[in-house]
């Protein structure tokens, strides 16, 4: 599939920058866009040169969510195709080994807000807003609630879902939807700086850690410890663990394998 119609891809060293590139449509998530983004993340996940992914939107909106005209003109088969693709994409965020950072400068609504919640980290500009307004148009944001409720908790998620009211960037930070809020002119640089900070570590170890985080987060405490203990035992035998410990003890920069 060609990405150029809906997204663009560029590499900045070990950082892959994926940009939703339909500003005139507020980066609406058509079926074509969902599939292109899923393919782009799959490709990034399989590329050992990529250590971190930054996902951003061109123009005044990060993403306005699903393409409502596409949903309105489609039948049940089209709706199933769209939401199958959406769920596949959301699972991809968790599955690929690289951390994914959402870079948000503008509006992130409905499935656009869902993407922010599904990313591992998020940087937002002060002018960004976040909303799940589907209830207002008769299409409740049921799939966005999955990522949103896990990111910000039940009461806050239900407030957004039941009212449709937007929250500002500082509220999103306070609620745990985003990590950092900066001025619009600094948003991209901040996202790249965060990505560079992460990319300094071993890509192998980052992948181990991301996989373990999502595998343990919904387990009870005893089960989570039992699982992560085994992860650490295996991790300790990795060449990069040995190299990292040696570098620390020898007060030098590690040379990751």
Protein backbone atom coordinates (compact mmCIF):
# COMPACT_ATOMS: atom_id res chain seq x y z
CA UNK A 1 0.00 0.00 0.00
CA UNK A 2 1.23 3.51 -0.77
CA UNK A 3 1.22 5.76 2.28
CA UNK A 4 1.51 9.09 0.48
CA UNK A 5 -2.21 9.74 0.13
CA UNK A 6 -2.90 9.94 3.85
CA UNK A 7 0.34 9.79 5.85
CA UNK A 8 4.02 10.61 5.48
CA UNK A 9 7.00 8.85 7.02
CA UNK A 10 10.45 10.27 7.79
CA UNK A 11 13.39 9.04 9.85
CA UNK A 12 15.37 11.24 12.22
CA UNK A 13 18.22 8.90 13.15
CA UNK A 14 16.66 6.08 15.22
CA UNK A 15 13.34 7.96 15.44
CA UNK A 16 10.58 7.30 12.92
CA UNK A 17 8.19 10.23 12.50
CA UNK A 18 4.79 9.23 11.13
CA UNK A 19 2.54 12.15 10.18
CA UNK A 20 -1.19 12.09 9.50
CA UNK A 21 -1.16 14.27 6.42
CA UNK A 22 -4.69 15.29 5.48
CA UNK A 23 -5.01 18.68 7.21
CA UNK A 24 -7.87 19.73 4.95
CA UNK A 25 -9.88 16.81 6.39
CA UNK A 26 -8.61 17.39 9.94
CA UNK A 27 -6.76 14.10 9.60
CA UNK A 28 -9.98 12.10 9.72
CA UNK A 29 -9.44 8.37 10.14
CA UNK A 30 -10.91 6.90 6.98
CA UNK A 31 -10.56 3.19 6.35
CA UNK A 32 -7.68 3.99 4.01
CA UNK A 33 -5.95 6.05 6.70
CA UNK A 34 -6.47 3.40 9.39
CA UNK A 35 -4.92 0.76 7.16
CA UNK A 36 -2.04 2.99 6.08
CA UNK A 37 -1.22 3.87 9.68
CA UNK A 38 -1.43 0.23 10.75
CA UNK A 39 0.91 -0.77 7.93
CA UNK A 40 3.33 2.03 8.80
CA UNK A 41 3.48 0.91 12.44
CA UNK A 42 3.89 -2.72 11.41
CA UNK A 43 6.82 -1.72 9.18
CA UNK A 44 8.37 0.35 11.98
CA UNK A 45 7.97 -2.53 14.40
CA UNK A 46 9.89 -4.86 12.08
CA UNK A 47 12.72 -2.38 11.41
CA UNK A 48 15.65 -2.77 13.85
CA UNK A 49 16.92 0.68 12.91
CA UNK A 50 13.82 2.26 14.48
CA UNK A 51 14.03 2.68 18.26
CA UNK A 52 11.13 5.10 18.86
CA UNK A 53 8.09 6.20 16.84
CA UNK A 54 6.63 9.73 16.97
CA UNK A 55 3.07 10.07 15.66
CA UNK A 56 1.83 13.54 14.76
CA UNK A 57 -0.82 15.32 12.71
CA UNK A 58 -0.29 17.98 10.06
CA UNK A 59 -2.39 21.15 10.37
CA UNK A 60 -4.75 22.40 13.10
CA UNK A 61 -5.97 18.96 14.20
CA UNK A 62 -4.10 15.91 15.43
CA UNK A 63 -7.13 13.91 14.31
CA UNK A 64 -10.86 14.53 14.32
CA UNK A 65 -11.61 10.80 14.56
CA UNK A 66 -13.47 8.55 12.15
CA UNK A 67 -14.58 9.85 8.77
CA UNK A 68 -18.29 10.44 9.49
CA UNK A 69 -19.20 10.74 5.82
CA UNK A 70 -17.73 7.29 5.24
CA UNK A 71 -19.70 5.87 8.16
CA UNK A 72 -22.92 7.63 7.11
CA UNK A 73 -22.79 6.33 3.55
CA UNK A 74 -21.78 2.78 4.49
CA UNK A 75 -23.77 -0.30 5.43
CA UNK A 76 -23.12 -2.84 8.19
CA UNK A 77 -20.37 -4.48 6.14
CA UNK A 78 -18.55 -1.15 5.76
CA UNK A 79 -18.99 -0.35 9.44
CA UNK A 80 -17.53 -3.72 10.40
CA UNK A 81 -14.59 -3.18 8.06
CA UNK A 82 -13.87 0.25 9.56
CA UNK A 83 -14.08 -0.80 13.19
CA UNK A 84 -12.16 -4.03 12.56
CA UNK A 85 -9.38 -1.90 11.09
CA UNK A 86 -9.58 0.53 14.01
CA UNK A 87 -9.27 -2.21 16.63
CA UNK A 88 -6.42 -3.84 14.68
CA UNK A 89 -4.59 -0.49 14.70
CA UNK A 90 -5.11 0.05 18.42
CA UNK A 91 -3.71 -3.39 19.14
CA UNK A 92 -0.73 -2.56 16.95
CA UNK A 93 0.19 0.36 19.24
CA UNK A 94 0.72 -2.09 22.08
CA UNK A 95 2.25 -4.88 20.00
CA UNK A 96 5.18 -3.21 18.28
CA UNK A 97 8.38 -3.28 20.33
CA UNK A 98 9.18 0.42 20.00
CA UNK A 99 7.70 3.06 22.32
CA UNK A 100 5.25 5.34 20.49
CA UNK A 101 4.94 9.03 21.37
CA UNK A 102 1.88 11.04 20.31
CA UNK A 103 2.77 14.61 19.35
CA UNK A 104 -0.45 16.60 19.63
CA UNK A 105 -0.84 20.20 18.50
CA UNK A 106 -4.54 20.91 18.09
CA UNK A 107 -7.73 18.91 18.35
CA UNK A 108 -7.80 15.19 19.18
CA UNK A 109 -11.39 13.96 19.20
CA UNK A 110 -13.15 10.59 19.28
CA UNK A 111 -10.86 8.01 17.64
CA UNK A 112 -8.19 10.74 17.49
CA UNK A 113 -8.35 10.96 21.28
CA UNK A 114 -8.31 7.17 21.35
CA UNK A 115 -5.00 7.16 19.49
CA UNK A 116 -3.46 9.54 22.04
CA UNK A 117 -4.65 7.28 24.86
CA UNK A 118 -3.28 4.21 23.07
CA UNK A 119 0.20 5.68 22.57
CA UNK A 120 2.79 4.90 25.22
CA UNK A 121 3.54 8.58 25.85
CA UNK A 122 2.13 11.90 24.68
CA UNK A 123 3.37 15.46 24.29
CA UNK A 124 0.75 18.18 23.75
CA UNK A 125 0.76 21.87 22.98
CA UNK A 126 -1.07 24.27 25.27
CA UNK A 127 -3.72 24.86 22.61
CA UNK A 128 -4.58 21.17 22.24
CA UNK A 129 -7.97 19.84 23.30
CA UNK A 130 -9.24 16.31 23.78
CA UNK A 131 -12.81 15.02 23.53
CA UNK A 132 -14.99 11.98 22.95
CA UNK A 133 -18.10 13.77 21.62
CA UNK A 134 -19.80 10.83 19.91
CA UNK A 135 -22.72 10.90 22.35
CA UNK A 136 -23.76 14.24 20.86
CA UNK A 137 -24.23 12.79 17.38
CA UNK A 138 -25.78 9.49 18.37
CA UNK A 139 -22.65 7.38 17.99
CA UNK A 140 -21.25 6.68 21.45
CA UNK A 141 -17.45 6.48 21.59
CA UNK A 142 -17.47 2.84 22.66
CA UNK A 143 -14.14 1.77 21.17
CA UNK A 144 -12.35 4.98 22.27
CA UNK A 145 -13.50 4.28 25.84
CA UNK A 146 -11.26 1.20 25.98
CA UNK A 147 -7.98 3.10 25.71
CA UNK A 148 -9.34 6.21 27.43
CA UNK A 149 -10.61 4.45 30.56
CA UNK A 150 -7.33 2.62 30.93
CA UNK A 151 -5.37 5.86 30.61
CA UNK A 152 -7.37 8.17 32.89
CA UNK A 153 -9.66 5.95 35.00
CA UNK A 154 -13.38 5.33 35.14
CA UNK A 155 -14.88 8.54 36.51
CA UNK A 156 -12.85 10.87 34.31
CA UNK A 157 -13.40 8.74 31.22
CA UNK A 158 -17.13 8.58 31.85
CA UNK A 159 -17.25 12.36 32.29
CA UNK A 160 -15.72 12.79 28.84
CA UNK A 161 -17.83 10.02 27.28
CA UNK A 162 -21.20 10.99 28.75
CA UNK A 163 -20.94 14.77 28.28
CA UNK A 164 -18.85 14.96 25.12
CA UNK A 165 -17.22 18.07 26.61
CA UNK A 166 -13.57 18.67 25.67
CA UNK A 167 -10.75 18.97 28.18
CA UNK A 168 -7.78 21.26 27.72
CA UNK A 169 -4.16 20.18 27.58
CA UNK A 170 -3.37 20.95 31.21
CA UNK A 171 -6.37 18.91 32.37
CA UNK A 172 -5.26 16.10 30.06
CA UNK A 173 -1.84 16.20 31.73
CA UNK A 174 -3.34 16.25 35.23
CA UNK A 175 -5.59 13.29 34.33
CA UNK A 176 -2.74 11.26 32.84
CA UNK A 177 -3.78 11.38 29.19
CA UNK A 178 -0.60 13.26 28.21
CA UNK A 179 2.81 13.50 29.84
CA UNK A 180 4.04 16.96 28.90
CA UNK A 181 2.40 20.26 27.88
CA UNK A 182 4.47 22.89 26.10
CA UNK A 183 3.94 25.93 23.87
CA UNK A 184 2.88 25.17 20.27
CA UNK A 185 6.22 26.21 18.83
CA UNK A 186 8.03 23.75 21.12
CA UNK A 187 5.76 20.73 20.66
CA UNK A 188 7.70 18.96 17.91
CA UNK A 189 11.09 19.64 19.48
CA UNK A 190 9.83 18.35 22.83
CA UNK A 191 8.51 15.15 21.27
CA UNK A 192 11.78 14.56 19.44
CA UNK A 193 13.80 15.31 22.59
CA UNK A 194 11.76 12.78 24.53
CA UNK A 195 12.24 10.24 21.74
CA UNK A 196 15.99 10.89 21.69
CA UNK A 197 16.18 10.40 25.44
CA UNK A 198 14.47 7.00 25.11
CA UNK A 199 16.50 6.02 22.04
CA UNK A 200 19.74 6.27 24.03
CA UNK A 201 18.85 2.97 25.70
CA UNK A 202 19.12 -0.50 24.19
CA UNK A 203 16.37 -1.18 21.67
CA UNK A 204 16.30 -4.80 22.85
CA UNK A 205 15.78 -3.77 26.46
CA UNK A 206 13.14 -1.17 25.53
CA UNK A 207 11.22 -3.90 23.70
CA UNK A 208 11.47 -6.23 26.71
CA UNK A 209 10.23 -3.48 29.00
CA UNK A 210 7.32 -2.34 26.84
CA UNK A 211 6.11 -5.89 26.33
CA UNK A 212 6.38 -6.64 30.04
CA UNK A 213 4.56 -3.45 31.03
CA UNK A 214 1.43 -4.28 29.06
CA UNK A 215 1.56 -7.93 30.04
CA UNK A 216 1.62 -7.16 33.78
CA UNK A 217 -0.47 -4.01 34.12
CA UNK A 218 -3.88 -5.72 34.39
CA UNK A 219 -2.73 -8.71 36.47
CA UNK A 220 -3.13 -8.95 40.22
CA UNK A 221 -0.04 -8.04 42.23
CA UNK A 222 1.20 -11.57 42.95
CA UNK A 223 0.75 -12.67 39.33
CA UNK A 224 2.42 -9.49 38.07
CA UNK A 225 5.46 -10.10 40.27
CA UNK A 226 5.66 -13.74 39.22
CA UNK A 227 5.58 -12.70 35.56
CA UNK A 228 8.04 -9.79 35.80
CA UNK A 229 10.47 -11.87 37.89
CA UNK A 230 10.80 -14.27 34.96
CA UNK A 231 11.22 -11.34 32.57
CA UNK A 232 14.07 -9.93 34.66
CA UNK A 233 15.78 -13.32 34.90
CA UNK A 234 15.79 -13.58 31.11
CA UNK A 235 16.72 -9.90 30.70
CA UNK A 236 19.72 -10.30 33.02
CA UNK A 237 21.24 -12.82 30.59
CA UNK A 238 20.89 -10.50 27.58
CA UNK A 239 24.19 -9.22 26.13
CA UNK A 240 22.94 -5.64 26.47
CA UNK A 241 22.29 -6.13 30.20
CA UNK A 242 25.85 -7.33 30.69
CA UNK A 243 27.19 -4.49 28.56
CA UNK A 244 25.10 -1.91 30.41
CA UNK A 245 26.20 -3.10 33.84
CA UNK A 246 29.86 -3.22 32.74
CA UNK A 247 29.60 0.30 31.30
CA UNK A 248 28.04 1.60 34.52
CA UNK A 249 30.73 0.00 36.71
CA UNK A 250 33.49 1.20 34.39
CA UNK A 251 31.98 4.69 34.13
CA UNK A 252 31.74 4.66 30.34
CA UNK A 253 29.07 4.95 27.68
CA UNK A 254 27.54 1.56 26.82
CA UNK A 255 27.95 0.09 23.36
CA UNK A 256 24.63 -1.61 22.77
CA UNK A 257 24.51 -4.76 20.68
